[in-house]
Amino acid sequence: MPGKRRQPAHRAIIYGGILGGMSNERVNQLLREVNERPLPPSSYHAIRKHYVPYFEKDMSRLGAAIESPPTYAALKKAGETIPANVGPDDDAADDE
């Protein structure tokens, strides 16, 4: 279930940190520094598994995702494998 929408700066920390190989704990440390709620482990793993391959195929997608995150439906349309238990409009970075 999607939670409160994150701001672009927070998504930049999340996506950039995960794409750069940071641990969930380190991403959460950076989020705390800007007074943002932590990223749950399930969301961290979903981004690593489903979003990182999407970004790696075309890095311009990363910038676009920071501004307006792709939904799982968009990932599926792009040919990425998505989890079976998510709604098409869900975004892992916004999950609580």
Protein backbone atom coordinates (compact mmCIF):
# COMPACT_ATOMS: atom_id res chain seq x y z
CA MET A 1 0.00 0.00 0.00
CA PRO A 2 1.46 3.38 -0.92
CA GLY A 3 2.31 5.77 1.88
CA LYS A 4 2.81 9.51 1.95
CA ARG A 5 4.46 10.80 -1.22
CA ARG A 6 8.12 11.68 -0.87
CA GLN A 7 9.67 14.87 -2.19
CA PRO A 8 12.07 14.71 -5.18
CA ALA A 9 15.10 15.36 -2.95
CA HIS A 10 14.19 12.37 -0.80
CA ARG A 11 13.73 10.15 -3.86
CA ALA A 12 17.14 11.32 -5.10
CA ILE A 13 18.72 10.09 -1.87
CA ILE A 14 16.85 6.79 -2.06
CA TYR A 15 17.32 5.98 -5.75
CA GLY A 16 20.86 7.37 -5.96
CA GLY A 17 21.94 5.67 -2.78
CA ILE A 18 20.55 2.29 -3.74
CA LEU A 19 21.84 2.54 -7.32
CA GLY A 20 25.24 3.44 -5.85
CA GLY A 21 25.28 0.32 -3.68
CA MET A 22 24.45 1.86 -0.31
CA SER A 23 22.88 -0.30 2.37
CA ASN A 24 19.37 0.29 3.66
CA GLU A 25 20.91 1.50 6.91
CA ARG A 26 23.07 4.10 5.13
CA VAL A 27 20.16 5.34 3.01
CA ASN A 28 18.15 5.73 6.21
CA GLN A 29 21.00 7.66 7.87
CA LEU A 30 20.94 10.12 4.97
CA LEU A 31 17.15 10.39 5.13
CA ARG A 32 17.36 11.14 8.88
CA GLU A 33 19.81 13.98 8.13
CA VAL A 34 17.07 15.70 6.12
CA ASN A 35 14.32 14.81 8.63
CA GLU A 36 12.65 12.28 6.34
CA ARG A 37 11.09 9.00 7.44
CA PRO A 38 13.15 5.84 6.90
CA LEU A 39 12.81 3.52 3.94
CA PRO A 40 11.43 0.15 5.06
CA PRO A 41 13.57 -2.90 4.22
CA SER A 42 10.83 -4.27 1.95
CA SER A 43 10.87 -1.07 -0.11
CA TYR A 44 14.67 -1.04 -0.22
CA HIS A 45 14.71 -4.59 -1.61
CA ALA A 46 11.91 -3.85 -4.08
CA ILE A 47 13.83 -0.88 -5.47
CA ARG A 48 17.05 -2.92 -5.75
CA LYS A 49 15.26 -5.76 -7.51
CA HIS A 50 12.83 -3.91 -9.77
CA TYR A 51 13.91 -0.28 -10.18
CA VAL A 52 17.72 -0.58 -10.39
CA PRO A 53 17.60 -2.76 -13.55
CA TYR A 54 15.11 -0.27 -15.03
CA PHE A 55 17.46 2.65 -14.32
CA GLU A 56 20.56 0.79 -15.53
CA LYS A 57 19.02 0.24 -18.98
CA ASP A 58 18.63 4.00 -19.49
CA MET A 59 20.09 6.35 -16.88
CA SER A 60 17.85 9.21 -18.03
CA ARG A 61 15.07 7.23 -16.35
CA LEU A 62 16.70 7.99 -12.99
CA GLY A 63 16.27 11.74 -13.38
CA ALA A 64 12.71 11.29 -14.56
CA ALA A 65 11.96 9.00 -11.61
CA ILE A 66 13.25 11.55 -9.10
CA GLU A 67 10.74 14.06 -10.43
CA SER A 68 7.88 11.60 -10.99
CA PRO A 69 8.47 8.02 -9.84
CA PRO A 70 7.46 5.23 -12.19
CA THR A 71 4.68 3.00 -11.01
CA TYR A 72 4.94 -0.76 -11.14
CA ALA A 73 2.65 -0.62 -14.20
CA ALA A 74 5.23 1.57 -15.96
CA LEU A 75 8.01 -0.86 -15.04
CA LYS A 76 5.97 -3.76 -16.36
CA LYS A 77 5.31 -1.90 -19.60
CA ALA A 78 9.07 -1.34 -19.93
CA GLY A 79 9.59 -5.09 -19.68
CA GLU A 80 10.68 -5.31 -16.06
CA THR A 81 9.53 -8.07 -13.74
CA ILE A 82 7.33 -6.75 -10.94
CA PRO A 83 6.06 -8.32 -7.73
CA ALA A 84 2.67 -9.99 -7.96
CA ASN A 85 1.35 -8.44 -4.75
CA VAL A 86 1.48 -4.73 -5.70
CA GLY A 87 -1.01 -2.37 -7.23
CA PRO A 88 -0.17 -0.98 -10.69
CA ASP A 89 0.02 2.58 -9.33
CA ASP A 90 2.28 1.73 -6.38
CA ASP A 91 5.79 3.12 -6.11
CA ALA A 92 8.25 1.34 -3.81
CA ALA A 93 9.92 4.57 -2.67
CA ASP A 94 6.66 5.80 -1.20
CA ASP A 95 5.76 2.61 0.69
CA GLU A 96 5.67 2.71 4.45
